[in-house]
Amino acid sequence: MYHLSCGEIWGGIRNCDDNIASAGLTASLYSHASDGGKGGDIYYLSLCDSNALTRMILADVVGHGEDVSQISQIIYQAIKSHMNDGEGDKLLAELNQTAVKIGLDAMTTLVMATFYKVDGNLYFANAGHPPALIKSKNESSWRELKPVKGVNDPVLGVMPQAIYSQNAMRVNSGDCLFLYSDGLIEAHHAKKGLFTKSRLINLLNQHPKAPTAKLKHIVIDEIRRFTGGSLEHDDVTAMVVKIN
């Protein structure tokens, strides 16, 4: 278990299977690059200097594996430089400018969730990424965490003047989040097709009391069974978070 300290950042683009604790939450992450090294998936957690704001980000640069790892690293460094910024919409706008300057090879989807323990709110934003899933402690099933307007904001790196938004919702102790890259739901079987979001949600619903680390491995193990053991189709990342 890695414990985030005040003003600290944890994350990267390499293969990872680890557990992280922060002020107010615990998380468990699994990330696997399709070629076994570095990839296009970016995972990130930070605890701000005031020890009150924990930010969680999962991003996916177009392409996969070592070929896109240099661009992923640039995007990751840009994310790190804004660890104390509370405005998720502003952060996405600046990340968009970074991606635009690189070019279309830097097209990136991103989902962000920020837990502010002072007011108990979860602030979230999305740039063309599969929505995070959420399950309240008192609910029996998982659901998508969707913005008020119902659609995600544009992918990073495509529209120079894109406008991004941040939404908020109250969360409580015991509530859980699931962030993931599209490599998970697009895992492919020759006869069964894609794994799909509905299969993922059904799988999560079958294990309502599983701890974060256990639930993460339940999902990854099922993906491996579905594909016949391979995770070489794309970079795959999953992050399970529980509010303490």
Protein backbone atom coordinates (compact mmCIF):
# COMPACT_ATOMS: atom_id res chain seq x y z
CA MET A 1 0.00 0.00 0.00
CA TYR A 2 1.41 3.36 -1.07
CA HIS A 3 0.37 6.27 1.18
CA LEU A 4 0.18 9.69 -0.45
CA SER A 5 1.62 12.48 1.65
CA CYS A 6 0.56 16.11 1.59
CA GLY A 7 1.68 17.73 -1.67
CA GLU A 8 2.60 14.40 -3.28
CA ILE A 9 1.90 12.89 -6.72
CA TRP A 10 1.72 9.22 -7.68
CA GLY A 11 1.24 7.85 -11.18
CA GLY A 12 2.80 7.05 -14.52
CA ILE A 13 2.48 5.18 -17.82
CA ARG A 14 4.18 1.89 -16.93
CA ASN A 15 2.70 -1.46 -15.99
CA CYS A 16 1.37 -1.25 -12.45
CA ASP A 17 -0.55 -3.30 -9.90
CA ASP A 18 -0.67 -1.37 -6.63
CA ASN A 19 -2.82 0.03 -3.83
CA ILE A 20 -2.81 3.70 -2.80
CA ALA A 21 -4.19 5.54 0.23
CA SER A 22 -4.86 9.27 0.50
CA ALA A 23 -6.70 11.70 2.76
CA GLY A 24 -10.24 10.41 2.68
CA LEU A 25 -9.99 7.53 0.22
CA THR A 26 -8.24 4.33 -0.79
CA ALA A 27 -7.60 3.19 -4.35
CA SER A 28 -6.38 0.12 -6.18
CA LEU A 29 -4.94 0.34 -9.69
CA TYR A 30 -4.00 -2.08 -12.44
CA SER A 31 -2.39 -0.91 -15.68
CA HIS A 32 -0.93 -3.05 -18.46
CA ALA A 33 0.65 -1.79 -21.69
CA SER A 34 -0.15 -3.97 -24.71
CA ASP A 35 3.52 -4.56 -25.44
CA GLY A 36 4.41 -5.16 -21.79
CA GLY A 37 6.36 -1.96 -21.17
CA LYS A 38 5.18 1.64 -21.37
CA GLY A 39 1.97 2.67 -23.06
CA GLY A 40 -0.64 5.26 -23.91
CA ASP A 41 -2.65 4.92 -20.70
CA ILE A 42 -1.89 7.51 -18.01
CA TYR A 43 -2.83 7.00 -14.36
CA TYR A 44 -2.49 9.69 -11.73
CA LEU A 45 -3.34 10.44 -8.10
CA SER A 46 -2.29 13.49 -6.13
CA LEU A 47 -2.87 15.04 -2.72
CA CYS A 48 -2.72 18.83 -2.74
CA ASP A 49 -0.50 20.95 -0.50
CA SER A 50 -3.39 21.66 1.89
CA ASN A 51 -4.07 17.93 2.39
CA ALA A 52 -7.72 18.41 1.41
CA LEU A 53 -8.01 17.65 -2.30
CA THR A 54 -7.28 14.24 -3.83
CA ARG A 55 -7.33 14.13 -7.63
CA MET A 56 -7.69 10.97 -9.67
CA ILE A 57 -7.11 10.94 -13.42
CA LEU A 58 -7.12 8.24 -16.05
CA ALA A 59 -6.20 9.28 -19.59
CA ASP A 60 -5.71 7.41 -22.86
CA VAL A 61 -3.56 8.77 -25.69
CA VAL A 62 -4.56 7.58 -29.19
CA GLY A 63 -2.67 4.41 -30.11
CA HIS A 64 -1.06 2.05 -27.64
CA GLY A 65 2.17 0.57 -26.39
CA GLU A 66 5.68 1.98 -26.63
CA ASP A 67 4.87 3.91 -29.83
CA VAL A 68 2.84 6.52 -27.95
CA SER A 69 4.68 6.47 -24.61
CA GLN A 70 6.66 9.67 -25.30
CA ILE A 71 3.45 11.64 -25.90
CA SER A 72 1.86 10.03 -22.85
CA GLN A 73 4.80 11.22 -20.76
CA ILE A 74 4.37 14.80 -21.99
CA ILE A 75 0.66 14.76 -21.10
CA TYR A 76 1.45 13.22 -17.72
CA GLN A 77 3.97 15.96 -16.90
CA ALA A 78 1.40 18.60 -17.88
CA ILE A 79 -1.13 17.02 -15.50
CA LYS A 80 1.43 16.99 -12.67
CA SER A 81 2.10 20.72 -13.05
CA HIS A 82 -1.50 21.52 -12.01
CA MET A 83 -1.83 19.32 -8.93
CA ASN A 84 -3.09 22.19 -6.72
CA ASP A 85 -5.61 23.61 -9.18
CA GLY A 86 -9.15 23.01 -7.98
CA GLU A 87 -10.85 23.96 -11.26
CA GLY A 88 -11.09 20.83 -13.36
CA ASP A 89 -12.49 22.74 -16.34
CA LYS A 90 -9.44 25.02 -16.38
CA LEU A 91 -7.09 22.05 -16.11
CA LEU A 92 -8.70 20.31 -19.08
CA ALA A 93 -8.56 23.49 -21.16
CA GLU A 94 -4.82 23.82 -20.52
CA LEU A 95 -4.20 20.13 -21.21
CA ASN A 96 -6.10 20.57 -24.46
CA GLN A 97 -3.73 23.35 -25.50
CA THR A 98 -0.74 21.13 -24.69
CA ALA A 99 -2.16 18.34 -26.87
CA VAL A 100 -3.09 20.72 -29.71
CA LYS A 101 0.49 22.00 -29.90
CA ILE A 102 1.79 18.45 -30.33
CA GLY A 103 -0.71 17.59 -33.06
CA LEU A 104 -3.29 14.91 -33.76
CA ASP A 105 -0.92 12.19 -32.53
CA ALA A 106 -1.63 13.58 -29.06
CA MET A 107 -5.41 13.12 -29.16
CA THR A 108 -6.26 12.04 -25.64
CA THR A 109 -9.40 11.06 -23.77
CA LEU A 110 -9.44 11.78 -20.05
CA VAL A 111 -11.66 11.23 -17.04
CA MET A 112 -11.01 13.16 -13.83
CA ALA A 113 -12.47 12.87 -10.34
CA THR A 114 -11.46 15.13 -7.46
CA PHE A 115 -12.53 14.45 -3.88
CA TYR A 116 -12.57 17.52 -1.63
CA LYS A 117 -12.85 16.27 1.94
CA VAL A 118 -13.77 19.72 3.33
CA ASP A 119 -17.22 19.77 1.70
CA GLY A 120 -17.56 16.03 0.95
CA ASN A 121 -18.09 16.67 -2.75
CA LEU A 122 -16.72 14.78 -5.73
CA TYR A 123 -15.87 17.10 -8.63
CA PHE A 124 -15.62 15.41 -12.00
CA ALA A 125 -14.89 16.22 -15.64
CA ASN A 126 -14.60 14.21 -18.84
CA ALA A 127 -12.93 14.76 -22.19
CA GLY A 128 -14.32 12.09 -24.51
CA HIS A 129 -13.49 9.22 -22.15
CA PRO A 130 -15.72 6.33 -21.03
CA PRO A 131 -17.57 7.74 -17.99
CA ALA A 132 -16.47 6.66 -14.54
CA LEU A 133 -18.83 4.28 -12.76
CA ILE A 134 -20.12 4.96 -9.26
CA LYS A 135 -21.91 2.93 -6.61
CA SER A 136 -23.24 4.52 -3.45
CA LYS A 137 -22.86 2.51 -0.26
CA ASN A 138 -26.63 2.13 0.04
CA GLU A 139 -27.21 1.23 -3.62
CA SER A 140 -27.16 -2.29 -5.03
CA SER A 141 -25.83 -1.49 -8.51
CA TRP A 142 -23.25 0.58 -10.34
CA ARG A 143 -24.15 3.43 -12.71
CA GLU A 144 -22.36 5.85 -14.99
CA LEU A 145 -21.15 9.15 -13.58
CA LYS A 146 -22.49 11.50 -16.23
CA PRO A 147 -22.25 15.31 -16.51
CA VAL A 148 -25.35 17.44 -16.04
CA LYS A 149 -25.65 18.11 -19.77
CA GLY A 150 -25.51 14.38 -20.48
CA VAL A 151 -22.59 14.33 -22.92
CA ASN A 152 -18.83 14.41 -22.48
CA ASP A 153 -16.69 17.37 -23.48
CA PRO A 154 -14.39 17.07 -26.55
CA VAL A 155 -11.35 14.83 -26.76
CA LEU A 156 -8.12 16.69 -25.93
CA GLY A 157 -5.99 17.78 -28.88
CA VAL A 158 -8.68 18.24 -31.53
CA MET A 159 -10.41 21.60 -31.00
CA PRO A 160 -8.11 24.51 -29.99
CA GLN A 161 -10.99 26.54 -28.52
CA ALA A 162 -12.81 23.66 -26.84
CA ILE A 163 -14.68 24.54 -23.64
CA TYR A 164 -14.70 22.11 -20.72
CA SER A 165 -16.96 21.84 -17.69
CA GLN A 166 -16.76 20.51 -14.15
CA ASN A 167 -19.64 18.85 -12.32
CA ALA A 168 -20.11 18.10 -8.63
CA MET A 169 -21.97 15.61 -6.50
CA ARG A 170 -22.09 14.73 -2.82
CA VAL A 171 -20.38 11.47 -1.85
CA ASN A 172 -20.29 9.63 1.44
CA SER A 173 -18.16 7.12 3.28
CA GLY A 174 -18.42 3.73 1.57
CA ASP A 175 -19.20 5.10 -1.90
CA CYS A 176 -17.06 3.60 -4.69
CA LEU A 177 -15.77 4.70 -8.09
CA PHE A 178 -14.47 2.68 -11.03
CA LEU A 179 -12.33 4.44 -13.67
CA TYR A 180 -11.10 2.53 -16.71
CA SER A 181 -9.64 2.85 -20.21
CA ASP A 182 -11.49 1.71 -23.32
CA GLY A 183 -9.01 -1.13 -23.72
CA LEU A 184 -10.97 -2.87 -20.97
CA ILE A 185 -14.45 -2.76 -22.51
CA GLU A 186 -13.05 -3.25 -26.03
CA ALA A 187 -11.28 -6.48 -25.13
CA HIS A 188 -12.20 -8.81 -28.01
CA HIS A 189 -13.16 -12.45 -28.44
CA ALA A 190 -13.46 -13.94 -31.94
CA LYS A 191 -16.94 -15.34 -31.27
CA LYS A 192 -18.26 -13.22 -28.39
CA GLY A 193 -17.25 -9.85 -29.81
CA LEU A 194 -16.30 -7.00 -27.45
CA PHE A 195 -16.41 -7.27 -23.68
CA THR A 196 -18.63 -4.13 -23.54
CA LYS A 197 -19.61 -1.72 -20.80
CA SER A 198 -22.76 -3.68 -19.96
CA ARG A 199 -20.69 -6.82 -19.22
CA LEU A 200 -18.43 -4.73 -17.00
CA ILE A 201 -21.32 -3.28 -15.01
CA ASN A 202 -22.95 -6.69 -14.64
CA LEU A 203 -19.66 -8.11 -13.37
CA LEU A 204 -19.24 -5.32 -10.81
CA ASN A 205 -22.83 -5.81 -9.63
CA GLN A 206 -22.10 -9.47 -8.91
CA HIS A 207 -19.51 -8.50 -6.27
CA PRO A 208 -21.11 -5.72 -4.19
CA LYS A 209 -18.96 -6.25 -1.09
CA ALA A 210 -15.58 -6.93 -2.69
CA PRO A 211 -12.71 -4.74 -1.39
CA THR A 212 -11.07 -2.42 -3.91
CA ALA A 213 -8.02 -4.63 -4.55
CA LYS A 214 -10.17 -7.75 -4.87
CA LEU A 215 -12.64 -6.09 -7.23
CA LYS A 216 -9.84 -4.87 -9.47
CA HIS A 217 -8.48 -8.39 -9.90
CA ILE A 218 -11.96 -9.84 -10.41
CA VAL A 219 -12.36 -7.54 -13.41
CA ILE A 220 -8.89 -8.13 -14.88
CA ASP A 221 -9.14 -11.90 -14.40
CA GLU A 222 -12.51 -11.92 -16.18
CA ILE A 223 -11.06 -9.90 -19.08
CA ARG A 224 -8.27 -12.46 -19.41
CA ARG A 225 -10.79 -15.31 -19.39
CA PHE A 226 -12.91 -13.52 -21.97
CA THR A 227 -10.01 -13.01 -24.39
CA GLY A 228 -8.40 -16.37 -23.73
CA GLY A 229 -5.64 -14.95 -21.56
CA SER A 230 -4.33 -12.09 -23.67
CA LEU A 231 -4.18 -8.35 -22.93
CA GLU A 232 -2.29 -7.50 -26.11
CA HIS A 233 -5.14 -5.85 -28.00
CA ASP A 234 -4.67 -2.48 -26.30
CA ASP A 235 -3.37 -0.82 -23.14
CA VAL A 236 -5.69 -1.71 -20.25
CA THR A 237 -6.12 0.27 -17.03
CA ALA A 238 -8.62 -0.01 -14.17
CA MET A 239 -8.81 2.04 -10.97
CA VAL A 240 -11.16 1.22 -8.08
CA VAL A 241 -11.64 3.94 -5.46
CA LYS A 242 -13.48 3.88 -2.13
CA ILE A 243 -14.38 6.94 -0.10
CA ASN A 244 -13.41 6.41 3.55
